[in-house]
Structures are given as C-alpha cells and as structure tokens.
N, C-alpha and C. Protein backbone atom coordinates (compact mmCIF):
# COMPACT_ATOMS: atom_id res chain seq x y z
N MET A 1 0.75 86.93 -53.72
CA MET A 1 1.65 86.55 -54.15
C MET A 1 2.93 87.69 -55.16
N SER A 2 3.83 88.17 -54.85
CA SER A 2 4.41 88.92 -56.02
C SER A 2 4.65 87.98 -57.21
N ALA A 3 4.90 89.11 -58.17
CA ALA A 3 5.17 88.27 -59.71
C ALA A 3 6.93 88.33 -59.61
N GLU A 4 7.85 88.80 -58.25
CA GLU A 4 9.23 87.95 -58.44
C GLU A 4 9.15 86.93 -58.09
N ALA A 5 7.83 86.26 -56.73
CA ALA A 5 8.38 86.26 -56.07
C ALA A 5 7.41 84.83 -56.77
N ASP A 6 6.44 85.00 -57.56
CA ASP A 6 6.13 83.95 -58.60
C ASP A 6 7.64 82.99 -59.36
N ASN A 7 7.94 84.19 -59.88
CA ASN A 7 9.12 83.61 -61.23
C ASN A 7 10.26 82.84 -60.46
N ALA A 8 10.62 83.47 -58.89
CA ALA A 8 11.22 82.71 -58.35
C ALA A 8 11.33 81.30 -58.00
N GLY A 9 9.69 81.24 -57.76
CA GLY A 9 9.43 79.85 -57.14
C GLY A 9 9.14 78.89 -58.42
N GLU A 10 8.87 79.61 -59.53
CA GLU A 10 8.54 78.80 -61.08
C GLU A 10 10.62 77.99 -61.33
N LEU A 11 11.46 79.04 -61.06
CA LEU A 11 12.83 78.72 -61.21
C LEU A 11 12.88 77.73 -60.75
N ARG A 12 12.33 77.60 -59.58
CA ARG A 12 13.15 76.31 -58.18
C ARG A 12 12.56 75.33 -59.23
N ARG A 13 10.68 75.78 -59.61
CA ARG A 13 10.37 74.27 -60.15
C ARG A 13 10.86 74.02 -60.97
N VAL A 14 11.41 74.41 -62.09
CA VAL A 14 12.11 73.49 -63.01
C VAL A 14 13.15 73.55 -62.64
N ALA A 15 13.89 74.04 -61.96
CA ALA A 15 14.74 73.03 -61.50
C ALA A 15 15.02 71.92 -61.09
N ASP A 16 14.29 72.08 -59.87
CA ASP A 16 13.92 70.46 -59.27
C ASP A 16 13.71 69.30 -59.88
N ALA A 17 12.24 70.06 -61.07
CA ALA A 17 12.56 69.61 -62.15
C ALA A 17 13.26 68.88 -62.96
N PHE A 18 14.19 69.07 -63.20
CA PHE A 18 14.92 69.14 -64.36
C PHE A 18 16.39 67.74 -63.21
N ILE A 19 16.32 68.07 -62.78
CA ILE A 19 17.45 67.04 -61.07
C ILE A 19 16.78 65.98 -60.88
N ALA A 20 15.20 66.62 -60.75
CA ALA A 20 14.71 64.34 -60.96
C ALA A 20 14.47 63.71 -61.69
N ALA A 21 13.91 64.52 -63.08
CA ALA A 21 14.13 64.04 -64.52
C ALA A 21 15.50 63.25 -64.15
N THR A 22 16.15 63.74 -64.30
CA THR A 22 17.68 63.81 -64.43
C THR A 22 18.45 62.72 -63.82
N ASN A 23 18.05 62.55 -62.41
CA ASN A 23 17.98 61.45 -61.10
C ASN A 23 17.53 60.02 -61.98
N ALA A 24 16.29 60.28 -62.35
CA ALA A 24 15.60 58.96 -62.53
C ALA A 24 15.82 58.61 -64.07
N PHE A 25 16.98 58.72 -64.35
CA PHE A 25 17.18 58.24 -65.74
C PHE A 25 16.58 58.96 -66.87
N ASP A 26 15.34 59.73 -66.70
CA ASP A 26 14.09 59.70 -67.72
C ASP A 26 14.59 60.83 -68.44
N VAL A 27 14.84 60.38 -70.34
CA VAL A 27 15.35 61.84 -70.75
C VAL A 27 14.03 62.64 -71.37
N GLU A 28 12.48 61.94 -71.09
CA GLU A 28 11.85 61.99 -71.85
C GLU A 28 11.43 63.49 -70.87
N ALA A 29 11.46 63.22 -69.79
CA ALA A 29 10.82 64.35 -68.64
C ALA A 29 11.65 64.83 -68.67
N ALA A 30 13.12 64.70 -69.08
CA ALA A 30 14.50 65.87 -69.43
C ALA A 30 13.53 66.87 -70.26
N LEU A 31 13.36 66.46 -71.02
CA LEU A 31 13.57 67.20 -72.58
C LEU A 31 12.10 67.77 -72.56
N ALA A 32 10.77 67.68 -71.43
CA ALA A 32 9.96 68.24 -71.77
C ALA A 32 9.95 69.19 -70.77
N LEU A 33 11.16 69.74 -70.10
CA LEU A 33 11.53 71.16 -69.71
C LEU A 33 11.94 72.35 -70.38
N PHE A 34 12.37 71.31 -71.22
CA PHE A 34 13.14 72.33 -72.53
C PHE A 34 12.38 72.76 -74.20
N ASP A 35 12.64 74.31 -74.29
CA ASP A 35 12.45 74.70 -75.54
C ASP A 35 12.79 74.34 -76.59
N ALA A 36 12.22 74.20 -77.92
CA ALA A 36 12.79 73.34 -78.65
C ALA A 36 13.93 73.99 -78.99
N ASP A 37 14.45 75.27 -79.46
CA ASP A 37 15.80 76.19 -79.65
C ASP A 37 16.42 76.82 -78.09
N ALA A 38 16.82 75.00 -77.09
CA ALA A 38 17.25 75.65 -75.75
C ALA A 38 18.71 75.44 -76.35
N VAL A 39 19.60 75.56 -75.55
CA VAL A 39 21.45 75.50 -75.51
C VAL A 39 21.48 74.79 -74.13
N ILE A 40 22.66 73.95 -74.12
CA ILE A 40 23.64 73.76 -73.38
C ILE A 40 24.65 73.63 -73.64
N SER A 41 25.56 74.72 -72.87
CA SER A 41 27.24 75.33 -73.05
C SER A 41 27.55 74.24 -71.99
N ASP A 42 28.42 72.92 -72.32
CA ASP A 42 29.31 72.75 -71.13
C ASP A 42 30.45 72.18 -71.26
N PRO A 43 31.61 73.55 -71.11
CA PRO A 43 32.79 73.37 -71.85
C PRO A 43 33.47 71.97 -71.12
N SER A 44 33.01 71.59 -70.05
CA SER A 44 33.65 70.42 -68.91
C SER A 44 33.83 69.22 -69.30
N THR A 45 32.72 69.05 -70.13
CA THR A 45 32.27 67.80 -71.71
C THR A 45 32.99 68.27 -73.07
N GLY A 46 33.78 69.55 -73.28
CA GLY A 46 33.89 69.80 -74.64
C GLY A 46 32.93 70.78 -75.52
N GLY A 47 31.94 70.59 -75.29
CA GLY A 47 30.51 70.64 -76.08
C GLY A 47 29.67 71.81 -75.52
N ARG A 48 29.03 71.98 -76.31
CA ARG A 48 27.84 73.16 -76.83
C ARG A 48 26.59 72.08 -77.38
N PHE A 49 25.84 71.82 -77.01
CA PHE A 49 24.43 71.48 -77.44
C PHE A 49 23.62 72.05 -78.10
N ASP A 50 22.67 71.69 -78.96
CA ASP A 50 22.08 72.48 -79.81
C ASP A 50 20.52 72.00 -79.60
N GLY A 51 19.47 72.40 -78.94
CA GLY A 51 17.93 72.11 -79.54
C GLY A 51 18.43 70.64 -78.77
N ARG A 52 16.51 70.30 -79.59
CA ARG A 52 16.36 69.03 -78.13
C ARG A 52 17.13 68.13 -78.62
N ALA A 53 17.52 68.03 -80.13
CA ALA A 53 18.72 66.55 -79.70
C ALA A 53 19.60 66.87 -79.91
N GLY A 54 19.99 68.27 -79.39
CA GLY A 54 22.03 68.75 -78.71
C GLY A 54 21.49 68.48 -77.13
N VAL A 55 19.77 68.30 -76.78
CA VAL A 55 19.86 67.94 -75.05
C VAL A 55 19.56 66.92 -74.70
N ARG A 56 19.01 66.07 -75.62
CA ARG A 56 19.15 64.52 -75.75
C ARG A 56 20.09 63.81 -75.35
N ASP A 57 21.46 64.15 -76.62
CA ASP A 57 22.46 63.99 -76.19
C ASP A 57 22.64 64.05 -75.45
N TYR A 58 23.01 65.60 -74.92
CA TYR A 58 23.68 65.88 -73.65
C TYR A 58 23.19 65.33 -72.10
N VAL A 59 21.84 65.25 -71.94
CA VAL A 59 21.32 64.06 -70.81
C VAL A 59 21.75 62.58 -71.04
N GLN A 60 21.71 61.66 -72.44
CA GLN A 60 21.52 60.25 -72.08
C GLN A 60 22.83 60.24 -71.76
N ARG A 61 24.02 60.79 -72.95
CA ARG A 61 25.59 60.73 -72.17
C ARG A 61 26.21 61.17 -70.93
N PHE A 62 26.01 61.76 -70.86
CA PHE A 62 26.00 62.42 -69.39
C PHE A 62 25.72 62.60 -68.00
N PHE A 63 23.81 61.99 -68.17
CA PHE A 63 23.50 61.72 -67.33
C PHE A 63 23.09 60.11 -66.82
N VAL A 64 22.16 59.52 -67.56
CA VAL A 64 22.07 57.77 -68.29
C VAL A 64 23.57 57.42 -68.29
N GLY A 65 24.70 57.51 -68.84
CA GLY A 65 25.63 57.09 -69.84
C GLY A 65 26.73 57.05 -68.54
N TYR A 66 26.64 57.88 -67.70
CA TYR A 66 27.77 57.45 -66.43
C TYR A 66 26.86 57.50 -65.05
N HIS A 67 25.43 57.55 -65.08
CA HIS A 67 24.83 56.77 -64.01
C HIS A 67 24.48 57.75 -62.93
N THR A 68 24.79 59.33 -63.02
CA THR A 68 25.10 60.52 -62.41
C THR A 68 23.52 60.59 -61.76
N VAL A 69 23.89 61.12 -61.19
CA VAL A 69 22.94 61.66 -59.46
C VAL A 69 23.71 63.30 -59.03
N THR A 70 21.98 63.73 -59.28
CA THR A 70 22.57 65.05 -59.09
C THR A 70 21.67 65.85 -57.47
N ARG A 71 22.90 66.53 -56.67
CA ARG A 71 22.05 66.70 -55.49
C ARG A 71 22.71 68.04 -55.41
N LEU A 72 21.29 68.88 -55.12
CA LEU A 72 21.39 70.22 -54.91
C LEU A 72 21.61 70.68 -54.05
N LEU A 73 23.05 71.74 -54.28
CA LEU A 73 23.65 72.69 -52.54
C LEU A 73 23.13 73.77 -52.52
N SER A 74 23.28 74.48 -53.31
CA SER A 74 22.65 75.97 -53.38
C SER A 74 21.41 76.28 -54.79
N PHE A 75 20.49 77.16 -54.42
CA PHE A 75 20.02 77.90 -55.27
C PHE A 75 20.09 79.65 -55.27
N ASP A 76 20.18 80.37 -56.28
CA ASP A 76 20.60 81.47 -56.03
C ASP A 76 19.43 82.54 -57.84
N ARG A 77 18.87 82.88 -56.93
CA ARG A 77 17.76 83.30 -58.65
C ARG A 77 19.08 84.25 -58.65
N THR A 78 19.23 85.25 -60.23
CA THR A 78 20.44 86.11 -60.09
C THR A 78 19.57 86.68 -61.47
N GLY A 79 18.63 86.24 -61.76
CA GLY A 79 17.57 87.44 -62.70
C GLY A 79 16.27 87.00 -62.26
N ASP A 80 15.36 88.02 -63.15
CA ASP A 80 14.34 87.14 -63.53
C ASP A 80 13.44 85.99 -63.86
N ARG A 81 14.38 85.66 -64.73
CA ARG A 81 13.95 84.26 -65.18
C ARG A 81 15.26 83.34 -65.31
N LYS A 82 16.46 83.84 -64.12
CA LYS A 82 17.66 83.01 -64.42
C LYS A 82 18.07 82.86 -62.92
N ALA A 83 18.47 81.32 -62.69
CA ALA A 83 18.92 80.76 -61.57
C ALA A 83 20.18 79.89 -61.49
N ARG A 84 20.93 80.72 -60.04
CA ARG A 84 22.96 79.74 -60.40
C ARG A 84 22.41 78.48 -59.49
N LEU A 85 22.41 77.46 -59.85
CA LEU A 85 22.76 76.42 -59.19
C LEU A 85 24.11 75.97 -58.39
N ARG A 86 24.42 75.44 -57.82
CA ARG A 86 25.64 74.41 -57.24
C ARG A 86 24.95 73.29 -56.79
N VAL A 87 25.38 71.99 -57.85
CA VAL A 87 25.11 70.91 -57.33
C VAL A 87 25.98 70.22 -57.46
N ASP A 88 25.97 68.40 -56.66
CA ASP A 88 27.08 67.78 -56.29
C ASP A 88 26.78 66.37 -57.45
N PHE A 89 27.34 65.99 -57.89
CA PHE A 89 27.82 65.13 -59.00
C PHE A 89 27.84 63.55 -58.57
N THR A 90 27.67 62.72 -58.79
CA THR A 90 27.81 62.13 -58.29
C THR A 90 27.76 60.51 -59.59
N GLY A 91 29.03 59.61 -60.23
CA GLY A 91 28.44 58.71 -61.17
C GLY A 91 29.55 57.56 -61.15
N ASP A 92 29.90 57.26 -61.99
CA ASP A 92 30.57 56.61 -62.93
C ASP A 92 32.20 57.20 -62.81
N PHE A 93 31.84 58.56 -62.77
CA PHE A 93 33.04 59.60 -63.25
C PHE A 93 33.84 59.82 -61.53
N GLY A 94 32.68 59.34 -60.65
CA GLY A 94 33.36 59.52 -59.34
C GLY A 94 32.67 60.54 -58.82
N HIS A 95 33.10 61.76 -58.71
CA HIS A 95 32.39 62.97 -57.39
C HIS A 95 32.77 64.14 -57.92
N GLU A 96 31.84 65.64 -58.18
CA GLU A 96 32.23 66.43 -58.57
C GLU A 96 31.14 67.31 -58.64
N ILE A 97 31.94 68.76 -58.11
CA ILE A 97 31.07 69.60 -58.04
C ILE A 97 30.83 70.58 -58.66
N GLY A 98 29.44 71.09 -59.00
CA GLY A 98 29.62 72.02 -60.67
C GLY A 98 28.29 73.00 -60.37
N LEU A 99 28.45 73.70 -61.61
CA LEU A 99 27.37 74.52 -61.64
C LEU A 99 26.87 74.77 -62.59
N LEU A 100 25.36 74.88 -62.55
CA LEU A 100 24.07 74.92 -63.44
C LEU A 100 23.68 76.10 -63.77
N GLU A 101 24.16 77.24 -64.98
CA GLU A 101 23.01 78.27 -64.72
C GLU A 101 21.96 78.26 -65.61
N ILE A 102 20.67 78.22 -65.01
CA ILE A 102 19.60 77.72 -66.19
C ILE A 102 19.09 80.15 -66.39
N LEU A 103 18.48 79.66 -67.53
CA LEU A 103 17.61 80.63 -68.33
C LEU A 103 16.03 80.09 -69.20
N THR A 104 15.12 80.82 -67.94
CA THR A 104 14.02 80.20 -68.84
C THR A 104 13.35 81.26 -69.60
N ASP A 105 12.48 80.82 -71.09
CA ASP A 105 11.65 81.78 -71.18
C ASP A 105 10.46 82.15 -70.33
N PRO A 106 9.55 83.12 -70.61
CA PRO A 106 8.37 83.72 -70.02
C PRO A 106 7.67 82.54 -69.33
N ALA A 107 7.77 80.95 -70.27
CA ALA A 107 6.93 80.12 -70.43
C ALA A 107 6.93 78.85 -69.24
N GLY A 108 8.55 79.63 -69.02
CA GLY A 108 9.09 78.61 -68.43
C GLY A 108 9.64 77.32 -68.04
N GLN A 109 9.74 77.42 -69.50
CA GLN A 109 10.60 76.70 -70.59
C GLN A 109 12.64 76.92 -70.72
N ILE A 110 12.87 75.93 -70.49
CA ILE A 110 14.43 76.27 -70.33
C ILE A 110 14.98 76.28 -72.03
N VAL A 111 15.22 77.56 -71.93
CA VAL A 111 16.13 77.96 -73.25
C VAL A 111 17.78 78.12 -73.22
N ARG A 112 18.22 77.77 -72.00
CA ARG A 112 20.11 78.20 -72.15
C ARG A 112 20.51 77.10 -70.29
N ILE A 113 21.13 76.24 -70.27
CA ILE A 113 22.15 75.91 -69.77
C ILE A 113 23.41 75.81 -69.95
N ASP A 114 24.28 77.16 -68.83
CA ASP A 114 25.77 76.74 -69.21
C ASP A 114 26.62 76.16 -68.11
N ALA A 115 26.82 75.14 -67.76
CA ALA A 115 27.10 74.04 -66.57
C ALA A 115 28.96 74.13 -67.06
N ASP A 116 29.29 73.91 -65.61
CA ASP A 116 30.63 73.84 -65.59
C ASP A 116 30.66 73.21 -64.20
N LEU A 117 32.15 72.25 -63.86
CA LEU A 117 32.43 71.70 -62.83
C LEU A 117 33.71 72.98 -62.08
N GLU A 118 33.49 73.02 -61.14
CA GLU A 118 34.09 74.49 -60.00
C GLU A 118 35.15 73.73 -59.76
C-alpha cells in the first residue's frame, strides 16, 4: 500500500473515530484524538476553541449539551493530512448539514478543525 493510501486511510479512521466519540457523548475519547494545541474554529457557534480545554468545551457544549448525532455524508481527502467531511447533524437544535475540515499531524492527531454549516 502506498504512503498516500495510508494517509487517506488514517484520515478516514480519525474522522470516523471523532464521529463515533461525539455520537457516544464520550468527551474523553474525542479529546484523545486531538493534539494538545489543537484549534477548532466554528463560525456557526461564534467561536474559536483553543487547546484541549477549548476542545473539551466545544464537545461538551455542542455535542453533549445539544444531544448532537452526526452522520457522515461524504469524505474527501483534500491534502496529505487534510480532509473535508460533509455531515448531517441532528439534535435538540433540530437538523443541519455541516462541513468539517480536519487537519492532522504526522502522528494522526487532529491539529485543527474548521467547522461550519452549509
């Protein structure tokens, strides 16, 4: 298997693990996927969430707090360690379609998510 295929497989594994952790409302499992200095930028929430404390706040407020369930609609690799996910969100807020741009480091840890609604 080529290094490119390995990277694509690793990106998909990380994306699937993030969705599985947030769907299970497992904050610790979600946090384990992130680098200590990771950033989540989400204009739909009006915020930027820095480091593990920020990621914890984001997952607790917007996934656990709203009982958000995420379903992957599409996965596109957009770079060596970058992917764009189109997702279906349902929860206490209703229903939304969103985008998650995920960037990982060479170790497979998430270093950045840019999230927004369509």
